[in-house]
Amino acid sequence: MGSLTVNTTDLELRRARAELAGFSGSIDGKRPDAWAQYGYPTAVTFSQLLTAYERTGPGQGAVHRILDKCWQCPPRIKQPAADEETAWEQKVAKLLRGVNAWQKLRDWDRRNLVGRYSALIYRVADGKPLDQPLERASRLVDLVPLYEDQIRVTAWHSDQTDPDRFGTPAMWQYRARRPVGEDTQGKPDQWADVHPSRVQVLAEGSVGDFFDGVPLLKAGFNHLIDLEKISGGSGESFLKNSARALTINFDAAASPQVITTNPDGSPSGKTVREVLTEQVDNLNRNIDSALVTQGATAGTLQTQIADPTKAFEVAANLFAASVRIPFTLLFGQQTGRLASDEDQADMVARCESRQETELTPALEQFVRRMQAAGLIDAGEFEIEWPPLDAPSDDAKYTQLGKLTAAMKQAFDAGLAQPLFDANELRGVAGFEERADDGMPDPMADPAPDPNDPGNDPQA
């Protein structure tokens, strides 16, 4: 009984330790330390996410597939129910062009996709330092997009009697990125205080709390590690097989002698192993080198290279699922088959939803804050995105051919009224309307035939 009690207690202790380890790592209840064995980090930091974006093809491809599709064309900031461009809209467009705003807003979103959040600093001409509140300004000078690690909160509003500001940042600090290659040894980071009225934060999938932003690459980070192992290990096996790693097998009766001498004629004192190592090194470095042996046979170490395709596709499909991008769109196909219409439609639907739920609210907040600073005239406005599934020119002309063929079939069947007028057909092809649509009026009297003697005005 005593032994049983000890074993039971030991089992419970192991289970408790396993549960504690599983809380911080693997989701495998039986092997709580599986992530450590697989080489997966327990916590994914921003530095790792940035490296995954900058140094892996799938990571960068996932970010830019979504980014490029969502920002395929910049949106239109317009007054409600205004079809034509108004003077208000022209002034807004001029303000944005002056600071190359669309490119910087797009870069702001790119940085948001990499980390939990990104920030945008308004640089305006108001005669105040960055740590002072932004009230009214005469000119928008610049927009500065920042990564998550370039900005931090240094003070919070803690007054619980102020429900509008309680729990919100009272001051930010901004760190400028140094140029690549600059010697930073012994040089401290330079941080500058920035008032919250000059900072706008974009956090993917977060409602209210920007620290709850969901990085795009986090869910599939483990699969990016798998892809690196598969591709890197496969490349390493090719390298080792092509490096001509030689093996030297001496006969039992062989008695190799070193006859290498120094330039002055004295013995070099090198061993057989050292001489053979030099010969093998020369053989791998030069194409006209020879290997001399005494009573030995030279061979090469070769390993069977496994085909990494299947393992790569498994990890790639898991990563594609994590970023919600169809595999055929993210990685393409080597067989010449393009992504299906369903995959294309799914990608369009996802990006249109993101435009409405993530980007439109951020742009609306940006415009309202520019209005509060007097940089954009007050007034109601709306954000209008161009359709992401707009047909190409070839698709438009194909559709036009189908419509005209349907018109001919209807005419041959005896339908006097045309199915479509010329302006409707021009609209399908993407051309502007004309005042005269060029279609005959079926109710009008037919034009007189000049060859009919009855229509001769001299008769």
Protein backbone atom coordinates (compact mmCIF):
# COMPACT_ATOMS: atom_id res chain seq x y z
CA MET A 1 0.00 0.00 0.00
CA GLY A 2 2.85 2.36 0.79
CA SER A 3 4.36 1.84 -2.66
CA LEU A 4 1.00 2.43 -4.32
CA THR A 5 0.52 5.67 -2.40
CA VAL A 6 3.94 6.95 -3.42
CA ASN A 7 3.35 6.06 -7.08
CA THR A 8 -0.06 7.72 -7.10
CA THR A 9 1.34 10.88 -5.57
CA ASP A 10 4.19 10.89 -8.07
CA LEU A 11 1.71 10.46 -10.94
CA GLU A 12 -0.40 13.38 -9.69
CA LEU A 13 2.73 15.50 -9.40
CA ARG A 14 3.72 14.70 -12.97
CA ARG A 15 0.24 15.55 -14.16
CA ALA A 16 0.30 18.85 -12.31
CA ARG A 17 3.65 19.68 -13.86
CA ALA A 18 2.35 18.69 -17.29
CA GLU A 19 -0.72 20.90 -16.90
CA LEU A 20 1.45 23.81 -15.84
CA ALA A 21 3.77 23.28 -18.80
CA GLY A 22 0.86 22.86 -21.19
CA PHE A 23 -0.58 26.16 -20.04
CA SER A 24 2.44 27.98 -21.44
CA GLY A 25 3.12 25.94 -24.53
CA SER A 26 1.80 22.98 -26.48
CA ILE A 27 -1.90 22.22 -26.85
CA ASP A 28 -1.08 18.50 -26.73
CA GLY A 29 -2.23 17.38 -23.28
CA LYS A 30 -0.20 14.16 -23.46
CA ARG A 31 3.04 15.92 -24.48
CA PRO A 32 3.04 19.37 -22.93
CA ASP A 33 6.63 20.01 -23.99
CA ALA A 34 6.01 19.10 -27.64
CA TRP A 35 6.47 22.68 -28.87
CA ALA A 36 9.92 22.83 -27.30
CA GLN A 37 10.85 19.55 -28.99
CA TYR A 38 9.52 20.77 -32.36
CA GLY A 39 11.42 24.03 -32.04
CA TYR A 40 8.33 26.24 -31.69
CA PRO A 41 8.53 29.27 -29.38
CA THR A 42 6.12 29.39 -26.46
CA ALA A 43 5.46 33.12 -26.98
CA VAL A 44 5.77 34.82 -30.37
CA THR A 45 7.36 38.25 -30.07
CA PHE A 46 7.09 41.18 -32.45
CA SER A 47 10.74 40.73 -33.41
CA GLN A 48 9.99 37.17 -34.55
CA LEU A 49 6.92 38.31 -36.48
CA LEU A 50 8.95 41.02 -38.22
CA THR A 51 11.63 38.47 -39.14
CA ALA A 52 8.96 36.10 -40.47
CA TYR A 53 7.64 38.94 -42.65
CA GLU A 54 11.02 40.17 -43.86
CA ARG A 55 12.83 36.83 -44.30
CA THR A 56 10.23 34.24 -45.38
CA GLY A 57 8.45 34.10 -48.70
CA PRO A 58 5.12 32.79 -47.35
CA GLY A 59 5.11 35.40 -44.56
CA GLN A 60 5.67 38.32 -46.86
CA GLY A 61 3.38 36.85 -49.49
CA ALA A 62 0.50 36.53 -47.01
CA VAL A 63 0.84 40.13 -45.84
CA HIS A 64 1.01 41.57 -49.33
CA ARG A 65 -1.72 39.37 -50.80
CA ILE A 66 -4.17 40.93 -48.37
CA LEU A 67 -2.60 44.39 -48.42
CA ASP A 68 -2.40 44.67 -52.20
CA LYS A 69 -5.94 43.42 -52.70
CA CYS A 70 -7.47 45.69 -50.05
CA TRP A 71 -5.58 48.70 -51.43
CA GLN A 72 -5.96 47.67 -55.07
CA CYS A 73 -7.35 51.16 -55.68
CA PRO A 74 -7.52 53.94 -53.08
CA PRO A 75 -11.01 54.74 -51.76
CA ARG A 76 -12.97 57.86 -52.49
CA ILE A 77 -13.72 60.28 -49.66
CA LYS A 78 -16.91 61.96 -50.83
CA GLN A 79 -19.93 63.84 -49.62
CA PRO A 80 -23.08 61.72 -49.27
CA ALA A 81 -25.23 61.32 -52.40
CA ALA A 82 -22.63 63.13 -54.53
CA ASP A 83 -22.05 61.37 -57.83
CA GLU A 84 -19.85 64.06 -59.31
CA GLU A 85 -16.72 65.36 -57.60
CA THR A 86 -17.56 68.36 -55.40
CA ALA A 87 -15.38 71.29 -54.34
CA TRP A 88 -15.15 69.78 -50.83
CA GLU A 89 -13.88 66.50 -52.25
CA GLN A 90 -11.33 68.30 -54.45
CA LYS A 91 -9.90 70.09 -51.40
CA VAL A 92 -9.61 66.80 -49.51
CA ALA A 93 -7.89 65.14 -52.46
CA LYS A 94 -5.44 68.05 -52.74
CA LEU A 95 -4.60 67.80 -49.01
CA LEU A 96 -3.91 64.06 -49.29
CA ARG A 97 -1.84 64.39 -52.46
CA GLY A 98 0.31 67.05 -50.79
CA VAL A 99 1.74 64.53 -48.29
CA ASN A 100 1.43 61.39 -50.45
CA ALA A 101 -1.17 60.25 -47.93
CA TRP A 102 -2.54 57.16 -49.67
CA GLN A 103 0.86 55.50 -49.87
CA LYS A 104 1.53 56.27 -46.20
CA LEU A 105 -1.89 55.09 -45.08
CA ARG A 106 -1.27 51.88 -46.99
CA ASP A 107 2.11 51.50 -45.27
CA TRP A 108 0.37 52.11 -41.95
CA ASP A 109 -1.87 49.15 -42.70
CA ARG A 110 1.12 47.02 -43.79
CA ARG A 111 2.79 47.53 -40.42
CA ASN A 112 -0.48 46.69 -38.69
CA LEU A 113 -0.63 43.34 -40.48
CA VAL A 114 2.84 42.44 -39.19
CA GLY A 115 2.33 43.20 -35.48
CA ARG A 116 -0.51 43.56 -33.00
CA TYR A 117 -0.99 47.19 -33.99
CA SER A 118 0.63 50.08 -35.80
CA ALA A 119 0.53 53.82 -35.23
CA LEU A 120 0.27 56.94 -37.37
CA ILE A 121 1.70 60.24 -36.18
CA TYR A 122 0.25 63.48 -37.53
CA ARG A 123 2.93 66.08 -38.22
CA VAL A 124 1.18 69.42 -38.63
CA ALA A 125 2.10 73.09 -38.72
CA ASP A 126 0.63 74.38 -35.45
CA GLY A 127 3.70 75.88 -33.77
CA LYS A 128 3.67 73.34 -30.90
CA PRO A 129 5.97 70.43 -29.98
CA LEU A 130 4.78 66.86 -30.37
CA ASP A 131 4.03 66.42 -26.67
CA GLN A 132 1.40 69.18 -26.69
CA PRO A 133 -2.29 68.64 -27.62
CA LEU A 134 -3.26 69.12 -31.26
CA GLU A 135 -5.98 71.75 -31.52
CA ARG A 136 -5.89 73.77 -34.75
CA ALA A 137 -3.28 73.63 -37.49
CA SER A 138 -2.65 75.54 -40.69
CA ARG A 139 -1.13 72.72 -42.73
CA LEU A 140 -0.64 68.97 -42.74
CA VAL A 141 3.11 68.45 -43.00
CA ASP A 142 3.48 64.67 -43.00
CA LEU A 143 2.08 61.32 -41.89
CA VAL A 144 4.53 58.96 -40.15
CA PRO A 145 3.56 55.23 -40.03
CA LEU A 146 5.19 53.24 -37.19
CA TYR A 147 5.70 49.61 -36.28
CA GLU A 148 4.56 48.27 -32.92
CA ASP A 149 8.10 48.41 -31.50
CA GLN A 150 8.53 52.07 -32.50
CA ILE A 151 5.91 53.46 -30.13
CA ARG A 152 4.92 52.79 -26.54
CA VAL A 153 2.63 54.19 -23.85
CA THR A 154 4.38 55.98 -20.99
CA ALA A 155 1.36 57.34 -19.07
CA TRP A 156 -2.31 56.41 -18.73
CA HIS A 157 -5.41 58.33 -17.70
CA SER A 158 -6.27 56.94 -14.25
CA ASP A 159 -9.11 59.27 -13.21
CA GLN A 160 -12.14 56.99 -12.82
CA THR A 161 -14.47 59.99 -12.68
CA ASP A 162 -13.65 60.70 -16.34
CA PRO A 163 -15.28 57.77 -18.17
CA ASP A 164 -14.37 59.13 -21.61
CA ARG A 165 -10.63 59.01 -21.01
CA PHE A 166 -10.15 56.52 -18.15
CA GLY A 167 -7.83 53.71 -19.21
CA THR A 168 -6.65 55.47 -22.37
CA PRO A 169 -3.07 56.61 -23.10
CA ALA A 170 -2.10 60.00 -21.67
CA MET A 171 1.28 60.10 -23.43
CA TRP A 172 3.11 58.11 -26.07
CA GLN A 173 6.79 57.81 -26.86
CA TYR A 174 8.01 57.47 -30.43
CA ARG A 175 11.31 55.96 -31.58
CA ALA A 176 12.62 56.67 -35.05
CA ARG A 177 14.17 53.78 -36.94
CA ARG A 178 17.81 54.26 -37.79
CA PRO A 179 19.10 53.73 -41.33
CA VAL A 180 20.10 50.17 -42.16
CA GLY A 181 23.81 49.62 -41.64
CA GLU A 182 24.31 52.51 -39.23
CA ASP A 183 26.73 51.76 -36.43
CA THR A 184 24.63 51.86 -33.26
CA GLN A 185 27.28 50.53 -30.87
CA GLY A 186 26.97 52.40 -27.60
CA LYS A 187 24.32 54.74 -29.00
CA PRO A 188 21.07 54.83 -27.00
CA ASP A 189 17.65 54.87 -28.65
CA GLN A 190 16.15 58.30 -29.12
CA TRP A 191 12.57 58.50 -27.87
CA ALA A 192 10.32 61.56 -28.18
CA ASP A 193 7.05 62.17 -26.30
CA VAL A 194 3.96 62.44 -28.49
CA HIS A 195 0.54 63.59 -27.29
CA PRO A 196 -2.32 61.12 -27.99
CA SER A 197 -4.15 63.74 -30.07
CA ARG A 198 -1.34 63.41 -32.63
CA VAL A 199 -1.36 59.59 -32.70
CA GLN A 200 -3.83 57.22 -34.35
CA VAL A 201 -3.59 53.47 -33.71
CA LEU A 202 -4.74 50.69 -36.04
CA ALA A 203 -5.13 47.21 -34.49
CA GLU A 204 -6.31 44.24 -36.57
CA GLY A 205 -9.39 42.54 -35.15
CA SER A 206 -9.42 44.63 -31.98
CA VAL A 207 -12.39 46.51 -30.56
CA GLY A 208 -11.21 49.35 -28.35
CA ASP A 209 -8.00 47.89 -26.90
CA PHE A 210 -5.15 48.07 -29.40
CA PHE A 211 -3.08 45.62 -27.30
CA ASP A 212 -5.62 42.95 -28.29
CA GLY A 213 -4.73 43.24 -31.97
CA VAL A 214 -4.24 39.90 -33.74
CA PRO A 215 -1.06 39.63 -35.85
CA LEU A 216 -1.71 38.02 -39.21
CA LEU A 217 1.27 35.65 -39.01
CA LYS A 218 0.89 34.53 -35.39
CA ALA A 219 -1.54 31.64 -35.88
CA GLY A 220 0.61 30.12 -38.63
CA PHE A 221 4.00 30.91 -37.09
CA ASN A 222 4.65 27.25 -36.23
CA HIS A 223 3.95 26.26 -39.82
CA LEU A 224 6.39 28.89 -41.08
CA ILE A 225 9.02 27.13 -38.94
CA ASP A 226 8.02 23.81 -40.52
CA LEU A 227 8.36 25.28 -44.00
CA GLU A 228 11.82 26.61 -43.13
CA LYS A 229 12.89 23.20 -41.81
CA ILE A 230 11.61 21.39 -44.89
CA SER A 231 13.05 23.75 -47.48
CA GLY A 232 16.26 24.40 -45.54
CA GLY A 233 16.85 20.73 -44.76
CA SER A 234 16.21 19.78 -48.37
CA GLY A 235 18.64 22.42 -49.58
CA GLU A 236 21.25 21.26 -47.07
CA SER A 237 20.93 17.66 -48.27
CA PHE A 238 21.50 18.77 -51.87
CA LEU A 239 24.54 20.76 -50.77
CA LYS A 240 26.09 17.88 -48.85
CA ASN A 241 25.58 15.48 -51.73
CA SER A 242 27.22 17.89 -54.15
CA ALA A 243 30.14 18.74 -51.82
CA ARG A 244 31.97 15.47 -52.61
CA ALA A 245 32.61 14.38 -49.04
CA LEU A 246 35.30 11.74 -49.68
CA THR A 247 36.03 8.56 -47.77
CA ILE A 248 39.51 6.95 -47.86
CA ASN A 249 39.72 3.18 -47.19
CA PHE A 250 43.23 1.79 -46.73
CA ASP A 251 44.07 -1.84 -47.26
CA ALA A 252 45.24 -3.76 -44.22
CA ALA A 253 48.70 -4.24 -45.78
CA ALA A 254 49.04 -0.62 -46.98
CA SER A 255 51.91 1.43 -45.59
CA PRO A 256 51.44 5.00 -46.82
CA GLN A 257 54.41 7.30 -46.54
CA VAL A 258 54.50 11.10 -46.49
CA ILE A 259 57.15 12.38 -48.89
CA THR A 260 56.10 16.03 -48.87
CA THR A 261 59.01 18.37 -48.28
CA ASN A 262 59.39 22.03 -47.51
CA PRO A 263 60.80 24.48 -50.09
CA ASP A 264 64.30 24.08 -48.56
CA GLY A 265 64.19 20.32 -49.03
CA SER A 266 63.63 19.38 -45.40
CA PRO A 267 60.77 17.00 -44.46
CA SER A 268 57.48 18.75 -43.82
CA GLY A 269 56.59 16.59 -40.85
CA LYS A 270 52.95 16.32 -41.94
CA THR A 271 50.91 13.28 -41.18
CA VAL A 272 49.08 11.20 -43.75
CA ARG A 273 45.78 12.60 -42.50
CA GLU A 274 46.97 16.20 -42.98
CA VAL A 275 48.19 15.51 -46.50
CA LEU A 276 44.94 13.82 -47.51
CA THR A 277 42.91 16.65 -46.02
CA GLU A 278 44.83 19.16 -48.16
CA GLN A 279 44.29 17.04 -51.27
CA VAL A 280 40.55 16.70 -50.63
CA ASP A 281 40.29 20.46 -50.01
CA ASN A 282 42.05 21.19 -53.32
CA LEU A 283 39.86 18.68 -55.07
CA ASN A 284 36.68 20.42 -53.87
CA ARG A 285 37.98 23.90 -54.68
CA ASN A 286 39.40 23.24 -58.16
CA ILE A 287 38.19 21.33 -61.19
CA ASP A 288 41.66 20.16 -62.32
CA SER A 289 42.97 18.71 -59.05
CA ALA A 290 43.88 15.08 -58.46
CA LEU A 291 43.84 12.81 -55.43
CA VAL A 292 46.89 10.58 -54.92
CA THR A 293 46.59 7.59 -52.59
CA GLN A 294 48.93 4.76 -51.58
CA GLY A 295 47.12 1.48 -51.25
CA ALA A 296 43.78 3.18 -50.58
CA THR A 297 40.41 3.46 -52.29
CA ALA A 298 38.56 6.80 -52.45
CA GLY A 299 34.78 7.04 -52.35
CA THR A 300 32.07 9.61 -51.65
CA LEU A 301 29.47 9.90 -48.92
CA GLN A 302 26.03 10.03 -50.52
CA THR A 303 22.61 10.16 -48.91
CA GLN A 304 19.24 9.54 -50.47
CA ILE A 305 17.44 12.87 -50.85
CA ALA A 306 13.77 12.66 -49.95
CA ASP A 307 11.23 14.52 -52.08
CA PRO A 308 10.06 17.44 -49.89
CA THR A 309 6.99 18.24 -52.00
CA LYS A 310 4.35 16.42 -49.96
CA ALA A 311 5.64 17.54 -46.58
CA PHE A 312 5.97 21.10 -47.88
CA GLU A 313 2.39 21.10 -49.19
CA VAL A 314 1.02 19.91 -45.83
CA ALA A 315 2.77 22.74 -43.95
CA ALA A 316 1.91 25.24 -46.69
CA ASN A 317 -1.78 24.34 -46.58
CA LEU A 318 -1.82 24.72 -42.80
CA PHE A 319 -0.20 28.14 -43.09
CA ALA A 320 -2.61 29.18 -45.85
CA ALA A 321 -5.51 28.17 -43.61
CA SER A 322 -4.11 30.26 -40.74
CA VAL A 323 -4.01 33.45 -42.84
CA ARG A 324 -7.30 32.54 -44.61
CA ILE A 325 -5.85 32.79 -48.11
CA PRO A 326 -6.49 29.96 -50.60
CA PHE A 327 -3.37 27.88 -51.25
CA THR A 328 -3.54 28.47 -54.99
CA LEU A 329 -3.55 32.23 -54.48
CA LEU A 330 -0.76 32.29 -51.89
CA PHE A 331 1.65 29.75 -53.39
CA GLY A 332 0.42 29.38 -56.98
CA GLN A 333 0.54 26.19 -58.99
CA GLN A 334 3.37 24.59 -60.93
CA THR A 335 0.98 22.75 -63.28
CA GLY A 336 -0.25 25.85 -65.10
CA ARG A 337 -3.64 25.71 -63.37
CA LEU A 338 -4.85 29.06 -62.10
CA ALA A 339 -6.81 29.65 -58.94
CA SER A 340 -10.47 28.69 -59.26
CA ASP A 341 -13.27 31.20 -59.46
CA GLU A 342 -14.35 30.10 -55.97
CA ASP A 343 -10.91 30.89 -54.57
CA GLN A 344 -10.90 34.28 -56.27
CA ALA A 345 -14.40 35.07 -55.01
CA ASP A 346 -13.46 33.97 -51.48
CA MET A 347 -10.43 36.28 -51.49
CA VAL A 348 -12.48 39.21 -52.79
CA ALA A 349 -15.16 38.64 -50.14
CA ARG A 350 -12.56 38.51 -47.38
CA CYS A 351 -10.83 41.73 -48.49
CA GLU A 352 -14.13 43.58 -49.00
CA SER A 353 -15.16 42.60 -45.48
CA ARG A 354 -11.82 43.84 -44.16
CA GLN A 355 -12.27 47.14 -45.98
CA GLU A 356 -15.62 47.69 -44.31
CA THR A 357 -14.78 46.46 -40.80
CA GLU A 358 -11.13 47.52 -40.40
CA LEU A 359 -10.09 50.17 -42.91
CA THR A 360 -13.24 52.26 -43.31
CA PRO A 361 -13.57 53.02 -39.55
CA ALA A 362 -9.86 53.94 -39.43
CA LEU A 363 -10.19 56.30 -42.41
CA GLU A 364 -13.35 57.85 -40.96
CA GLN A 365 -11.52 58.55 -37.71
CA PHE A 366 -8.62 60.06 -39.66
CA VAL A 367 -10.92 62.43 -41.58
CA ARG A 368 -12.81 63.47 -38.43
CA ARG A 369 -9.57 64.27 -36.64
CA MET A 370 -8.38 66.29 -39.63
CA GLN A 371 -11.69 68.16 -39.51
CA ALA A 372 -11.23 68.85 -35.79
CA ALA A 373 -7.81 70.34 -36.54
CA GLY A 374 -9.25 72.56 -39.27
CA LEU A 375 -7.30 70.84 -42.04
CA ILE A 376 -10.47 69.48 -43.71
CA ASP A 377 -13.71 71.44 -43.91
CA ALA A 378 -16.48 70.25 -41.62
CA GLY A 379 -19.34 68.30 -43.11
CA GLU A 380 -20.78 64.83 -43.58
CA PHE A 381 -18.75 62.41 -45.67
CA GLU A 382 -18.49 58.75 -46.54
CA ILE A 383 -15.78 56.32 -47.65
CA GLU A 384 -16.44 54.57 -50.97
CA TRP A 385 -14.18 51.71 -52.09
CA PRO A 386 -13.97 50.68 -55.75
CA PRO A 387 -15.26 47.14 -56.40
CA LEU A 388 -12.54 44.51 -56.05
CA ASP A 389 -14.19 42.10 -58.48
CA ALA A 390 -14.44 44.53 -61.39
CA PRO A 391 -14.12 42.57 -64.66
CA SER A 392 -11.10 42.99 -66.90
CA ASP A 393 -11.35 44.46 -70.40
CA ASP A 394 -11.39 40.98 -71.94
CA ALA A 395 -14.22 39.94 -69.60
CA LYS A 396 -16.16 43.11 -70.48
CA TYR A 397 -15.86 42.47 -74.20
CA THR A 398 -16.83 38.84 -73.75
CA GLN A 399 -19.94 39.95 -71.87
CA LEU A 400 -20.69 42.51 -74.59
CA GLY A 401 -20.53 39.75 -77.20
CA LYS A 402 -23.00 37.65 -75.22
CA LEU A 403 -25.44 40.57 -74.92
CA THR A 404 -25.33 41.41 -78.63
CA ALA A 405 -25.81 37.71 -79.49
CA ALA A 406 -28.87 37.66 -77.21
CA MET A 407 -30.20 40.78 -78.98
CA LYS A 408 -29.83 39.11 -82.37
CA GLN A 409 -31.62 35.96 -81.16
CA ALA A 410 -34.47 38.09 -79.80
CA PHE A 411 -34.73 40.02 -83.10
CA ASP A 412 -34.75 36.80 -85.13
CA ALA A 413 -37.53 35.53 -82.87
CA GLY A 414 -39.68 38.53 -83.82
CA LEU A 415 -39.10 40.88 -80.88
CA ALA A 416 -39.36 44.40 -82.29
CA GLN A 417 -38.06 46.26 -79.22
CA PRO A 418 -34.26 45.87 -78.70
CA LEU A 419 -33.25 44.18 -75.47
CA PHE A 420 -30.61 46.85 -74.75
CA ASP A 421 -29.88 50.29 -76.12
CA ALA A 422 -26.44 51.43 -77.26
CA ASN A 423 -25.62 53.27 -74.03
CA GLU A 424 -26.34 50.16 -71.98
CA LEU A 425 -23.99 48.19 -74.21
CA ARG A 426 -21.34 50.92 -73.97
CA GLY A 427 -21.63 50.83 -70.19
CA VAL A 428 -20.93 47.08 -70.17
CA ALA A 429 -17.75 47.69 -72.17
CA GLY A 430 -16.73 50.55 -69.86
CA PHE A 431 -17.35 53.43 -72.27
CA GLU A 432 -19.13 56.68 -71.49
CA GLU A 433 -22.69 57.32 -72.55
CA ARG A 434 -23.55 59.32 -75.67
CA ALA A 435 -26.41 61.79 -76.04
CA ASP A 436 -27.59 59.90 -79.12
CA ASP A 437 -27.59 56.22 -78.33
CA GLY A 438 -27.58 55.36 -82.04
CA MET A 439 -30.50 52.92 -81.79
CA PRO A 440 -33.52 53.30 -84.09
CA ASP A 441 -36.90 54.07 -82.53
CA PRO A 442 -39.14 51.08 -83.31
CA MET A 443 -42.28 53.31 -83.02
CA ALA A 444 -41.05 55.91 -85.55
CA ASP A 445 -42.14 55.87 -89.20
CA PRO A 446 -39.64 54.17 -91.48
CA ALA A 447 -37.40 56.43 -93.55
CA PRO A 448 -38.57 56.88 -97.21
CA ASP A 449 -36.91 54.70 -99.81
CA PRO A 450 -35.33 56.95 -102.49
CA ASN A 451 -35.54 54.10 -105.04
CA ASP A 452 -39.34 53.91 -104.72
CA PRO A 453 -40.98 55.91 -107.65
CA GLY A 454 -43.83 56.75 -105.34
CA ASN A 455 -41.46 58.74 -103.15
CA ASP A 456 -40.17 60.88 -106.06
CA PRO A 457 -40.88 64.52 -105.06
CA GLN A 458 -41.13 65.44 -108.79
CA ALA A 459 -43.99 62.98 -109.34
